[in-house]
Amino acid sequence: MKTQYTVPEVVRFLSASWQAAPESVCPLVEGHISQAYSFRAGDEKCVLRLAETDANFRVDEFAFERFGEIMPIPKVREIGDFNGEVSYCVTDFANGKTSNTLKDEELAEALPSIQNTLAATFHADISFSTGYGEVNVLSGSAKHSTWHEHVKTVEKTGVEAFKANAASIGLPTTLVDAFFEQYRANLSFASEERRLLHGDPAFDNMLVHDGQVAAVLDWAQLAYGDWMSDFARLDFWWPGRYGEKYEFAKKFGLEAEHLDEREALYRATNALWTIEFADKAKSKETAQWLHEHLESKLVI
């Protein structure tokens, strides 16, 4: 559940712990599970985030420490206890617009930098680690022995559970059957090449300033696996906005075998997990988007 602290409560905390100027505390666009505020501590501008646990903050810290030299990941300055009930994280502030809010001409200017940043993610050195799927930040490795094993976690949730989620938000449960069929038909084409994945790249997790990527935010879903999983997620939500998959693969020397089948696979898994999220998070906005766009993600 998302935290619901007021500006005065945040001001009191920042004034006491960071000597922040009260008038500098300003709410920012927030994530699904955290609140965010910018503030000034002396001459430096920072961001405070609040969440029920520090788990996602620890992943951001891991991402900065491991990959901050090859891409603009805000430095994590401090993680701690906010009030005995929730956790906080303070990071450096990065100026810019989220990539999903860029106008067409702004996106055209920024697209080379966005693509270079995505490619830097996929080409990051992860030889220090093992495994596939979401990363344990203490070990730096992931628990699954293959990428296929990780992708198949959708089966552990099961058709009936996803159907219950779909019914709860008013979607035809037959769509769940169709996406499971699409998933099964394309699973064998997934690449086992281990690449660093953001998990939820671009959109509101990428800040752009003066045509350049200024920050890559929120690494909570950081994983190792098939790069097409990340790229297909971009196309799932906003087809074509961040480039064409074959051109991108060729330009950056990435595995290009069976791209259509891999995209179909990740469209299916994205559809299923988004149905679950919309129901469990009670996100009316996501549910409405699914009603308008979900059927277009089926590959007939």
C-alpha atoms as a PDB file:
ATOM      1  CA  MET A   1       0.000   0.000   0.000  1.00  0.00           C
ATOM      2  CA  LYS A   2       1.220   3.498  -0.833  1.00  0.00           C
ATOM      3  CA  THR A   3       2.240   5.782   2.009  1.00  0.00           C
ATOM      4  CA  GLN A   4       0.067   8.845   2.665  1.00  0.00           C
ATOM      5  CA  TYR A   5       2.173  11.351   4.594  1.00  0.00           C
ATOM      6  CA  THR A   6       1.416  15.061   4.422  1.00  0.00           C
ATOM      7  CA  VAL A   7       3.799  17.813   3.377  1.00  0.00           C
ATOM      8  CA  PRO A   8       4.065  19.180   6.976  1.00  0.00           C
ATOM      9  CA  GLU A   9       5.085  15.714   8.224  1.00  0.00           C
ATOM     10  CA  VAL A  10       7.751  15.474   5.529  1.00  0.00           C
ATOM     11  CA  VAL A  11       8.955  19.013   6.229  1.00  0.00           C
ATOM     12  CA  ARG A  12       9.386  18.214   9.930  1.00  0.00           C
ATOM     13  CA  PHE A  13      11.427  15.120   9.110  1.00  0.00           C
ATOM     14  CA  LEU A  14      13.668  16.822   6.544  1.00  0.00           C
ATOM     15  CA  SER A  15      14.203  19.900   8.684  1.00  0.00           C
ATOM     16  CA  ALA A  16      15.363  17.760  11.589  1.00  0.00           C
ATOM     17  CA  SER A  17      17.410  15.135   9.745  1.00  0.00           C
ATOM     18  CA  TRP A  18      18.734  17.011   6.700  1.00  0.00           C
ATOM     19  CA  GLN A  19      18.448  20.639   7.782  1.00  0.00           C
ATOM     20  CA  ALA A  20      16.314  21.189   4.707  1.00  0.00           C
ATOM     21  CA  ALA A  21      14.825  24.629   4.100  1.00  0.00           C
ATOM     22  CA  PRO A  22      11.074  24.109   4.718  1.00  0.00           C
ATOM     23  CA  GLU A  23      10.090  26.235   1.745  1.00  0.00           C
ATOM     24  CA  SER A  24      12.199  24.020  -0.548  1.00  0.00           C
ATOM     25  CA  VAL A  25      10.165  20.843   0.087  1.00  0.00           C
ATOM     26  CA  CYS A  26       8.036  20.126  -2.974  1.00  0.00           C
ATOM     27  CA  PRO A  27       5.962  17.046  -3.932  1.00  0.00           C
ATOM     28  CA  LEU A  28       7.081  15.255  -7.091  1.00  0.00           C
ATOM     29  CA  VAL A  29       5.321  12.896  -9.480  1.00  0.00           C
ATOM     30  CA  GLU A  30       5.012   9.667  -7.505  1.00  0.00           C
ATOM     31  CA  GLY A  31       5.298   5.981  -8.244  1.00  0.00           C
ATOM     32  CA  HIS A  32       2.677   3.331  -7.595  1.00  0.00           C
ATOM     33  CA  ILE A  33       4.028   2.475  -4.147  1.00  0.00           C
ATOM     34  CA  SER A  34       6.016   5.495  -2.992  1.00  0.00           C
ATOM     35  CA  GLN A  35       5.746   9.204  -2.302  1.00  0.00           C
ATOM     36  CA  ALA A  36       8.455  11.584  -3.520  1.00  0.00           C
ATOM     37  CA  TYR A  37       9.586  15.104  -2.586  1.00  0.00           C
ATOM     38  CA  SER A  38      12.407  17.345  -3.721  1.00  0.00           C
ATOM     39  CA  PHE A  39      14.226  19.510  -1.179  1.00  0.00           C
ATOM     40  CA  ARG A  40      17.365  21.563  -0.651  1.00  0.00           C
ATOM     41  CA  ALA A  41      20.001  20.722   1.920  1.00  0.00           C
ATOM     42  CA  GLY A  42      22.470  23.595   1.861  1.00  0.00           C
ATOM     43  CA  ASP A  43      23.493  24.097  -1.771  1.00  0.00           C
ATOM     44  CA  GLU A  44      22.430  20.617  -2.855  1.00  0.00           C
ATOM     45  CA  LYS A  45      19.084  19.517  -4.243  1.00  0.00           C
ATOM     46  CA  CYS A  46      17.909  16.028  -3.303  1.00  0.00           C
ATOM     47  CA  VAL A  47      14.901  13.734  -3.495  1.00  0.00           C
ATOM     48  CA  LEU A  48      13.194  12.001  -0.583  1.00  0.00           C
ATOM     49  CA  ARG A  49      11.074   8.913  -1.241  1.00  0.00           C
ATOM     50  CA  LEU A  50       8.869   7.095   1.255  1.00  0.00           C
ATOM     51  CA  ALA A  51       7.693   3.481   1.004  1.00  0.00           C
ATOM     52  CA  GLU A  52       6.463   0.724   3.272  1.00  0.00           C
ATOM     53  CA  THR A  53       9.811  -1.130   3.059  1.00  0.00           C
ATOM     54  CA  ASP A  54      13.333  -0.322   1.953  1.00  0.00           C
ATOM     55  CA  ALA A  55      13.482  -3.251  -0.492  1.00  0.00           C
ATOM     56  CA  ASN A  56      13.142  -1.192  -3.678  1.00  0.00           C
ATOM     57  CA  PHE A  57      15.505   1.464  -2.333  1.00  0.00           C
ATOM     58  CA  ARG A  58      18.163  -1.219  -1.827  1.00  0.00           C
ATOM     59  CA  VAL A  59      17.838  -2.206  -5.482  1.00  0.00           C
ATOM     60  CA  ASP A  60      18.346   1.421  -6.532  1.00  0.00           C
ATOM     61  CA  GLU A  61      21.440   1.507  -4.335  1.00  0.00           C
ATOM     62  CA  PHE A  62      22.751  -1.690  -5.954  1.00  0.00           C
ATOM     63  CA  ALA A  63      22.060  -0.285  -9.445  1.00  0.00           C
ATOM     64  CA  PHE A  64      23.946   2.934  -8.702  1.00  0.00           C
ATOM     65  CA  GLU A  65      26.921   1.163  -7.159  1.00  0.00           C
ATOM     66  CA  ARG A  66      27.217  -1.422  -9.932  1.00  0.00           C
ATOM     67  CA  PHE A  67      26.162   0.509 -13.027  1.00  0.00           C
ATOM     68  CA  GLY A  68      26.279   4.204 -12.145  1.00  0.00           C
ATOM     69  CA  GLU A  69      29.467   4.695 -14.149  1.00  0.00           C
ATOM     70  CA  ILE A  70      27.875   3.636 -17.447  1.00  0.00           C
ATOM     71  CA  MET A  71      24.487   5.319 -17.147  1.00  0.00           C
ATOM     72  CA  PRO A  72      22.955   8.227 -15.215  1.00  0.00           C
ATOM     73  CA  ILE A  73      21.538   6.590 -12.092  1.00  0.00           C
ATOM     74  CA  PRO A  74      20.957   9.017  -9.197  1.00  0.00           C
ATOM     75  CA  LYS A  75      23.295   8.459  -6.264  1.00  0.00           C
ATOM     76  CA  VAL A  76      21.627   6.967  -3.199  1.00  0.00           C
ATOM     77  CA  ARG A  77      22.774   9.064  -0.256  1.00  0.00           C
ATOM     78  CA  GLU A  78      20.902   7.477   2.621  1.00  0.00           C
ATOM     79  CA  ILE A  79      18.329   4.804   3.371  1.00  0.00           C
ATOM     80  CA  GLY A  80      16.695   4.642   6.772  1.00  0.00           C
ATOM     81  CA  ASP A  81      13.634   4.570   8.999  1.00  0.00           C
ATOM     82  CA  PHE A  82      11.198   7.468   8.581  1.00  0.00           C
ATOM     83  CA  ASN A  83       9.021   7.161  11.673  1.00  0.00           C
ATOM     84  CA  GLY A  84       9.136   3.585  12.880  1.00  0.00           C
ATOM     85  CA  GLU A  85       6.545   2.537  10.321  1.00  0.00           C
ATOM     86  CA  VAL A  86       7.975   3.198   6.837  1.00  0.00           C
ATOM     87  CA  SER A  87      11.359   3.599   5.154  1.00  0.00           C
ATOM     88  CA  TYR A  88      12.900   6.550   3.387  1.00  0.00           C
ATOM     89  CA  CYS A  89      15.555   7.004   0.716  1.00  0.00           C
ATOM     90  CA  VAL A  90      17.426  10.192  -0.183  1.00  0.00           C
ATOM     91  CA  THR A  91      19.011  10.471  -3.626  1.00  0.00           C
ATOM     92  CA  ASP A  92      20.545  13.185  -5.746  1.00  0.00           C
ATOM     93  CA  PHE A  93      18.029  15.238  -7.712  1.00  0.00           C
ATOM     94  CA  ALA A  94      18.038  15.023 -11.512  1.00  0.00           C
ATOM     95  CA  ASN A  95      16.390  17.685 -13.618  1.00  0.00           C
ATOM     96  CA  GLY A  96      14.282  16.754 -16.609  1.00  0.00           C
ATOM     97  CA  LYS A  97      10.967  15.620 -18.062  1.00  0.00           C
ATOM     98  CA  THR A  98       9.826  12.033 -17.922  1.00  0.00           C
ATOM     99  CA  SER A  99      10.168  10.476 -21.367  1.00  0.00           C
ATOM    100  CA  ASN A 100       6.458   9.677 -21.614  1.00  0.00           C
ATOM    101  CA  THR A 101       5.612  13.405 -21.428  1.00  0.00           C
ATOM    102  CA  LEU A 102       7.911  14.515 -24.250  1.00  0.00           C
ATOM    103  CA  LYS A 103       6.298  16.152 -27.257  1.00  0.00           C
ATOM    104  CA  ASP A 104       6.996  14.555 -30.632  1.00  0.00           C
ATOM    105  CA  GLU A 105       9.749  17.025 -31.516  1.00  0.00           C
ATOM    106  CA  GLU A 106      11.358  16.624 -28.080  1.00  0.00           C
ATOM    107  CA  LEU A 107      11.268  12.848 -28.402  1.00  0.00           C
ATOM    108  CA  ALA A 108      12.853  12.990 -31.844  1.00  0.00           C
ATOM    109  CA  GLU A 109      15.724  15.026 -30.399  1.00  0.00           C
ATOM    110  CA  ALA A 110      16.145  12.749 -27.391  1.00  0.00           C
ATOM    111  CA  LEU A 111      15.652   9.367 -29.075  1.00  0.00           C
ATOM    112  CA  PRO A 112      19.358   8.760 -29.865  1.00  0.00           C
ATOM    113  CA  SER A 113      20.254   9.352 -26.204  1.00  0.00           C
ATOM    114  CA  ILE A 114      17.332   7.201 -25.028  1.00  0.00           C
ATOM    115  CA  GLN A 115      18.356   4.335 -27.289  1.00  0.00           C
ATOM    116  CA  ASN A 116      22.003   4.641 -26.256  1.00  0.00           C
ATOM    117  CA  THR A 117      20.950   4.456 -22.610  1.00  0.00           C
ATOM    118  CA  LEU A 118      18.799   1.375 -23.235  1.00  0.00           C
ATOM    119  CA  ALA A 119      21.710  -0.237 -25.089  1.00  0.00           C
ATOM    120  CA  ALA A 120      24.097   0.630 -22.255  1.00  0.00           C
ATOM    121  CA  THR A 121      21.779  -1.286 -19.946  1.00  0.00           C
ATOM    122  CA  PHE A 122      21.740  -4.344 -22.182  1.00  0.00           C
ATOM    123  CA  HIS A 123      25.530  -4.259 -22.679  1.00  0.00           C
ATOM    124  CA  ALA A 124      26.396  -3.723 -18.992  1.00  0.00           C
ATOM    125  CA  ASP A 125      28.994  -6.093 -17.559  1.00  0.00           C
ATOM    126  CA  ILE A 126      27.173  -8.618 -15.359  1.00  0.00           C
ATOM    127  CA  SER A 127      29.938 -11.217 -15.371  1.00  0.00           C
ATOM    128  CA  PHE A 128      30.244 -10.821 -11.577  1.00  0.00           C
ATOM    129  CA  SER A 129      26.858 -12.523 -11.223  1.00  0.00           C
ATOM    130  CA  THR A 130      24.953 -15.695 -12.039  1.00  0.00           C
ATOM    131  CA  GLY A 131      21.356 -16.630 -12.694  1.00  0.00           C
ATOM    132  CA  TYR A 132      18.309 -15.204 -14.415  1.00  0.00           C
ATOM    133  CA  GLY A 133      15.365 -13.114 -13.267  1.00  0.00           C
ATOM    134  CA  GLU A 134      15.082 -10.594 -10.451  1.00  0.00           C
ATOM    135  CA  VAL A 135      18.343  -9.944  -8.628  1.00  0.00           C
ATOM    136  CA  ASN A 136      19.160 -10.512  -4.976  1.00  0.00           C
ATOM    137  CA  VAL A 137      21.096  -7.345  -4.149  1.00  0.00           C
ATOM    138  CA  LEU A 138      23.015  -9.015  -1.318  1.00  0.00           C
ATOM    139  CA  SER A 139      24.584 -11.599  -3.624  1.00  0.00           C
ATOM    140  CA  GLY A 140      24.280  -9.709  -6.904  1.00  0.00           C
ATOM    141  CA  SER A 141      22.898 -12.855  -8.533  1.00  0.00           C
ATOM    142  CA  ALA A 142      19.483 -14.219  -9.479  1.00  0.00           C
ATOM    143  CA  LYS A 143      17.888 -17.483  -8.412  1.00  0.00           C
ATOM    144  CA  HIS A 144      16.737 -19.062 -11.679  1.00  0.00           C
ATOM    145  CA  SER A 145      19.118 -21.281 -13.609  1.00  0.00           C
ATOM    146  CA  THR A 146      17.603 -20.339 -17.000  1.00  0.00           C
ATOM    147  CA  TRP A 147      15.615 -17.451 -18.427  1.00  0.00           C
ATOM    148  CA  HIS A 148      12.888 -19.871 -19.477  1.00  0.00           C
ATOM    149  CA  GLU A 149      12.537 -20.918 -15.840  1.00  0.00           C
ATOM    150  CA  HIS A 150      12.055 -17.296 -14.825  1.00  0.00           C
ATOM    151  CA  VAL A 151       9.490 -16.544 -17.537  1.00  0.00           C
ATOM    152  CA  LYS A 152       7.542 -19.655 -16.546  1.00  0.00           C
ATOM    153  CA  THR A 153       6.775 -18.135 -13.137  1.00  0.00           C
ATOM    154  CA  VAL A 154       3.602 -16.876 -14.819  1.00  0.00           C
ATOM    155  CA  GLU A 155       2.405 -20.495 -14.684  1.00  0.00           C
ATOM    156  CA  LYS A 156       2.780 -20.597 -10.897  1.00  0.00           C
ATOM    157  CA  THR A 157       0.147 -17.896 -10.589  1.00  0.00           C
ATOM    158  CA  GLY A 158      -2.037 -19.893 -12.944  1.00  0.00           C
ATOM    159  CA  VAL A 159      -4.830 -19.356 -15.420  1.00  0.00           C
ATOM    160  CA  GLU A 160      -7.626 -19.334 -12.869  1.00  0.00           C
ATOM    161  CA  ALA A 161      -5.984 -16.678 -10.702  1.00  0.00           C
ATOM    162  CA  PHE A 162      -5.502 -14.377 -13.702  1.00  0.00           C
ATOM    163  CA  LYS A 163      -9.104 -15.035 -14.761  1.00  0.00           C
ATOM    164  CA  ALA A 164     -10.268 -13.945 -11.326  1.00  0.00           C
ATOM    165  CA  ASN A 165      -8.222 -10.746 -11.700  1.00  0.00           C
ATOM    166  CA  ALA A 166      -9.685 -10.121 -15.155  1.00  0.00           C
ATOM    167  CA  ALA A 167     -13.247 -10.675 -13.980  1.00  0.00           C
ATOM    168  CA  SER A 168     -12.682  -8.322 -11.052  1.00  0.00           C
ATOM    169  CA  ILE A 169     -11.844  -5.448 -13.411  1.00  0.00           C
ATOM    170  CA  GLY A 170     -14.523  -6.311 -15.949  1.00  0.00           C
ATOM    171  CA  LEU A 171     -12.397  -7.942 -18.652  1.00  0.00           C
ATOM    172  CA  PRO A 172     -13.508 -11.065 -20.564  1.00  0.00           C
ATOM    173  CA  THR A 173     -11.797 -14.068 -18.983  1.00  0.00           C
ATOM    174  CA  THR A 174     -11.388 -15.553 -22.466  1.00  0.00           C
ATOM    175  CA  LEU A 175      -8.580 -13.020 -22.974  1.00  0.00           C
ATOM    176  CA  VAL A 176      -6.589 -14.769 -20.259  1.00  0.00           C
ATOM    177  CA  ASP A 177      -6.915 -18.083 -22.120  1.00  0.00           C
ATOM    178  CA  ALA A 178      -5.806 -16.380 -25.325  1.00  0.00           C
ATOM    179  CA  PHE A 179      -2.745 -14.808 -23.726  1.00  0.00           C
ATOM    180  CA  PHE A 180      -1.741 -18.079 -22.099  1.00  0.00           C
ATOM    181  CA  GLU A 181      -1.971 -19.726 -25.515  1.00  0.00           C
ATOM    182  CA  GLN A 182       0.201 -16.955 -26.973  1.00  0.00           C
ATOM    183  CA  TYR A 183       2.678 -17.380 -24.120  1.00  0.00           C
ATOM    184  CA  ARG A 184       2.967 -21.148 -24.590  1.00  0.00           C
ATOM    185  CA  ALA A 185       3.311 -20.870 -28.369  1.00  0.00           C
ATOM    186  CA  ASN A 186       6.296 -18.531 -28.119  1.00  0.00           C
ATOM    187  CA  LEU A 187       8.100 -19.532 -24.907  1.00  0.00           C
ATOM    188  CA  SER A 188      10.637 -21.713 -26.699  1.00  0.00           C
ATOM    189  CA  PHE A 189      11.913 -18.707 -28.700  1.00  0.00           C
ATOM    190  CA  ALA A 190      13.108 -16.693 -25.657  1.00  0.00           C
ATOM    191  CA  SER A 191      16.831 -15.936 -25.674  1.00  0.00           C
ATOM    192  CA  GLU A 192      19.046 -17.363 -22.942  1.00  0.00           C
ATOM    193  CA  GLU A 193      21.661 -14.624 -23.452  1.00  0.00           C
ATOM    194  CA  ARG A 194      22.059 -12.893 -20.074  1.00  0.00           C
ATOM    195  CA  ARG A 195      21.637  -9.132 -20.264  1.00  0.00           C
ATOM    196  CA  LEU A 196      21.003  -6.510 -17.596  1.00  0.00           C
ATOM    197  CA  LEU A 197      17.319  -5.539 -17.573  1.00  0.00           C
ATOM    198  CA  HIS A 198      15.736  -2.517 -15.941  1.00  0.00           C
ATOM    199  CA  GLY A 199      12.354  -4.231 -15.799  1.00  0.00           C
ATOM    200  CA  ASP A 200      10.303  -1.100 -16.417  1.00  0.00           C
ATOM    201  CA  PRO A 201      12.441   1.102 -18.691  1.00  0.00           C
ATOM    202  CA  ALA A 202      11.733   4.610 -19.977  1.00  0.00           C
ATOM    203  CA  PHE A 203       8.272   6.199 -19.570  1.00  0.00           C
ATOM    204  CA  ASP A 204       8.179   7.863 -16.131  1.00  0.00           C
ATOM    205  CA  ASN A 205      11.399   6.103 -15.079  1.00  0.00           C
ATOM    206  CA  MET A 206      13.604   8.034 -17.501  1.00  0.00           C
ATOM    207  CA  LEU A 207      14.245  11.770 -17.210  1.00  0.00           C
ATOM    208  CA  VAL A 208      15.320  13.763 -20.268  1.00  0.00           C
ATOM    209  CA  HIS A 209      16.884  17.232 -20.182  1.00  0.00           C
ATOM    210  CA  ASP A 210      18.046  19.227 -23.230  1.00  0.00           C
ATOM    211  CA  GLY A 211      17.718  16.195 -25.464  1.00  0.00           C
ATOM    212  CA  GLN A 212      19.804  13.898 -23.265  1.00  0.00           C
ATOM    213  CA  VAL A 213      18.887  11.247 -20.729  1.00  0.00           C
ATOM    214  CA  ALA A 214      19.514  12.843 -17.328  1.00  0.00           C
ATOM    215  CA  ALA A 215      18.513   9.936 -15.093  1.00  0.00           C
ATOM    216  CA  VAL A 216      17.251   6.360 -15.105  1.00  0.00           C
ATOM    217  CA  LEU A 217      15.036   5.875 -12.045  1.00  0.00           C
ATOM    218  CA  ASP A 218      13.322   3.101 -10.079  1.00  0.00           C
ATOM    219  CA  TRP A 219      15.303  -0.099 -10.561  1.00  0.00           C
ATOM    220  CA  ALA A 220      12.943  -2.160  -8.398  1.00  0.00           C
ATOM    221  CA  GLN A 221      12.499  -4.787 -11.140  1.00  0.00           C
ATOM    222  CA  LEU A 222      16.192  -5.071 -12.043  1.00  0.00           C
ATOM    223  CA  ALA A 223      16.858  -8.500 -13.533  1.00  0.00           C
ATOM    224  CA  TYR A 224      19.103 -10.554 -15.823  1.00  0.00           C
ATOM    225  CA  GLY A 225      17.713 -12.074 -18.991  1.00  0.00           C
ATOM    226  CA  ASP A 226      16.515 -11.520 -22.559  1.00  0.00           C
ATOM    227  CA  TRP A 227      16.898  -7.865 -23.618  1.00  0.00           C
ATOM    228  CA  MET A 228      13.736  -8.167 -25.693  1.00  0.00           C
ATOM    229  CA  SER A 229      11.753  -8.450 -22.461  1.00  0.00           C
ATOM    230  CA  ASP A 230      12.544  -4.798 -21.688  1.00  0.00           C
ATOM    231  CA  PHE A 231      12.122  -3.604 -25.267  1.00  0.00           C
ATOM    232  CA  ALA A 232       8.814  -5.414 -25.677  1.00  0.00           C
ATOM    233  CA  ARG A 233       7.561  -3.742 -22.498  1.00  0.00           C
ATOM    234  CA  LEU A 234       8.132  -0.366 -24.138  1.00  0.00           C
ATOM    235  CA  ASP A 235       6.163  -1.442 -27.200  1.00  0.00           C
ATOM    236  CA  PHE A 236       3.442  -3.010 -25.064  1.00  0.00           C
ATOM    237  CA  TRP A 237       2.525   0.353 -23.572  1.00  0.00           C
ATOM    238  CA  TRP A 238       3.468   2.686 -26.422  1.00  0.00           C
ATOM    239  CA  PRO A 239       4.034   0.927 -29.776  1.00  0.00           C
ATOM    240  CA  GLY A 240       6.866   2.341 -31.854  1.00  0.00           C
ATOM    241  CA  ARG A 241       7.642   5.278 -29.581  1.00  0.00           C
ATOM    242  CA  TYR A 242      11.192   4.201 -28.719  1.00  0.00           C
ATOM    243  CA  GLY A 243      12.218   2.665 -32.024  1.00  0.00           C
ATOM    244  CA  GLU A 244      11.796  -0.435 -34.183  1.00  0.00           C
ATOM    245  CA  LYS A 245      13.081  -3.688 -32.688  1.00  0.00           C
ATOM    246  CA  TYR A 246      14.975  -5.030 -35.716  1.00  0.00           C
ATOM    247  CA  GLU A 247      16.730  -1.704 -36.325  1.00  0.00           C
ATOM    248  CA  PHE A 248      17.562  -1.400 -32.636  1.00  0.00           C
ATOM    249  CA  ALA A 249      18.987  -4.943 -32.456  1.00  0.00           C
ATOM    250  CA  LYS A 250      21.132  -4.401 -35.539  1.00  0.00           C
ATOM    251  CA  LYS A 251      22.376  -0.979 -34.439  1.00  0.00           C
ATOM    252  CA  PHE A 252      23.480  -2.197 -31.010  1.00  0.00           C
ATOM    253  CA  GLY A 253      24.599  -5.726 -31.810  1.00  0.00           C
ATOM    254  CA  LEU A 254      21.912  -7.571 -29.850  1.00  0.00           C
ATOM    255  CA  GLU A 255      20.413 -11.031 -30.365  1.00  0.00           C
ATOM    256  CA  ALA A 256      17.941 -10.657 -33.239  1.00  0.00           C
ATOM    257  CA  GLU A 257      16.751 -14.220 -33.751  1.00  0.00           C
ATOM    258  CA  HIS A 258      12.964 -14.742 -33.538  1.00  0.00           C
ATOM    259  CA  LEU A 259      12.236 -11.167 -32.490  1.00  0.00           C
ATOM    260  CA  ASP A 260       8.590 -11.376 -33.545  1.00  0.00           C
ATOM    261  CA  GLU A 261       8.040 -14.511 -31.486  1.00  0.00           C
ATOM    262  CA  ARG A 262       9.884 -13.061 -28.496  1.00  0.00           C
ATOM    263  CA  GLU A 263       7.816  -9.897 -28.663  1.00  0.00           C
ATOM    264  CA  ALA A 264       4.630 -11.991 -28.792  1.00  0.00           C
ATOM    265  CA  LEU A 265       5.809 -13.907 -25.729  1.00  0.00           C
ATOM    266  CA  TYR A 266       6.467 -10.781 -23.682  1.00  0.00           C
ATOM    267  CA  ARG A 267       3.264  -9.133 -24.862  1.00  0.00           C
ATOM    268  CA  ALA A 268       1.466 -12.102 -23.356  1.00  0.00           C
ATOM    269  CA  THR A 269       3.310 -12.055 -20.031  1.00  0.00           C
ATOM    270  CA  ASN A 270       3.005  -8.269 -19.776  1.00  0.00           C
ATOM    271  CA  ALA A 271      -0.719  -8.584 -20.398  1.00  0.00           C
ATOM    272  CA  LEU A 272      -1.175 -11.169 -17.660  1.00  0.00           C
ATOM    273  CA  TRP A 273       0.914  -9.370 -15.040  1.00  0.00           C
ATOM    274  CA  THR A 274      -0.786  -6.043 -15.860  1.00  0.00           C
ATOM    275  CA  ILE A 275      -4.220  -7.619 -15.399  1.00  0.00           C
ATOM    276  CA  GLU A 276      -3.082  -8.831 -11.981  1.00  0.00           C
ATOM    277  CA  PHE A 277      -1.634  -5.430 -11.075  1.00  0.00           C
ATOM    278  CA  ALA A 278      -4.746  -3.512 -12.120  1.00  0.00           C
ATOM    279  CA  ASP A 279      -6.877  -5.695  -9.876  1.00  0.00           C
ATOM    280  CA  LYS A 280      -4.615  -5.943  -6.830  1.00  0.00           C
ATOM    281  CA  ALA A 281      -3.612  -2.279  -6.868  1.00  0.00           C
ATOM    282  CA  LYS A 282      -7.181  -1.212  -7.611  1.00  0.00           C
ATOM    283  CA  SER A 283      -5.783   0.964 -10.391  1.00  0.00           C
ATOM    284  CA  LYS A 284      -8.744   2.350 -12.321  1.00  0.00           C
ATOM    285  CA  GLU A 285      -6.387   4.065 -14.776  1.00  0.00           C
ATOM    286  CA  THR A 286      -4.613   0.793 -15.632  1.00  0.00           C
ATOM    287  CA  ALA A 287      -7.902  -1.095 -15.838  1.00  0.00           C
ATOM    288  CA  GLN A 288      -9.278   1.492 -18.263  1.00  0.00           C
ATOM    289  CA  TRP A 289      -6.145   1.235 -20.406  1.00  0.00           C
ATOM    290  CA  LEU A 290      -6.543  -2.542 -20.508  1.00  0.00           C
ATOM    291  CA  HIS A 291     -10.165  -2.217 -21.616  1.00  0.00           C
ATOM    292  CA  GLU A 292      -9.068   0.066 -24.457  1.00  0.00           C
ATOM    293  CA  HIS A 293      -5.863  -1.615 -25.602  1.00  0.00           C
ATOM    294  CA  LEU A 294      -5.449  -5.164 -24.295  1.00  0.00           C
ATOM    295  CA  GLU A 295      -7.002  -7.034 -27.188  1.00  0.00           C
ATOM    296  CA  SER A 296      -4.571  -5.349 -29.601  1.00  0.00           C
ATOM    297  CA  LYS A 297      -1.707  -7.161 -27.844  1.00  0.00           C
ATOM    298  CA  LEU A 298      -2.924 -10.525 -29.068  1.00  0.00           C
ATOM    299  CA  VAL A 299      -0.976 -11.981 -31.966  1.00  0.00           C
ATOM    300  CA  ILE A 300      -3.457 -13.734 -34.212  1.00  0.00           C
END
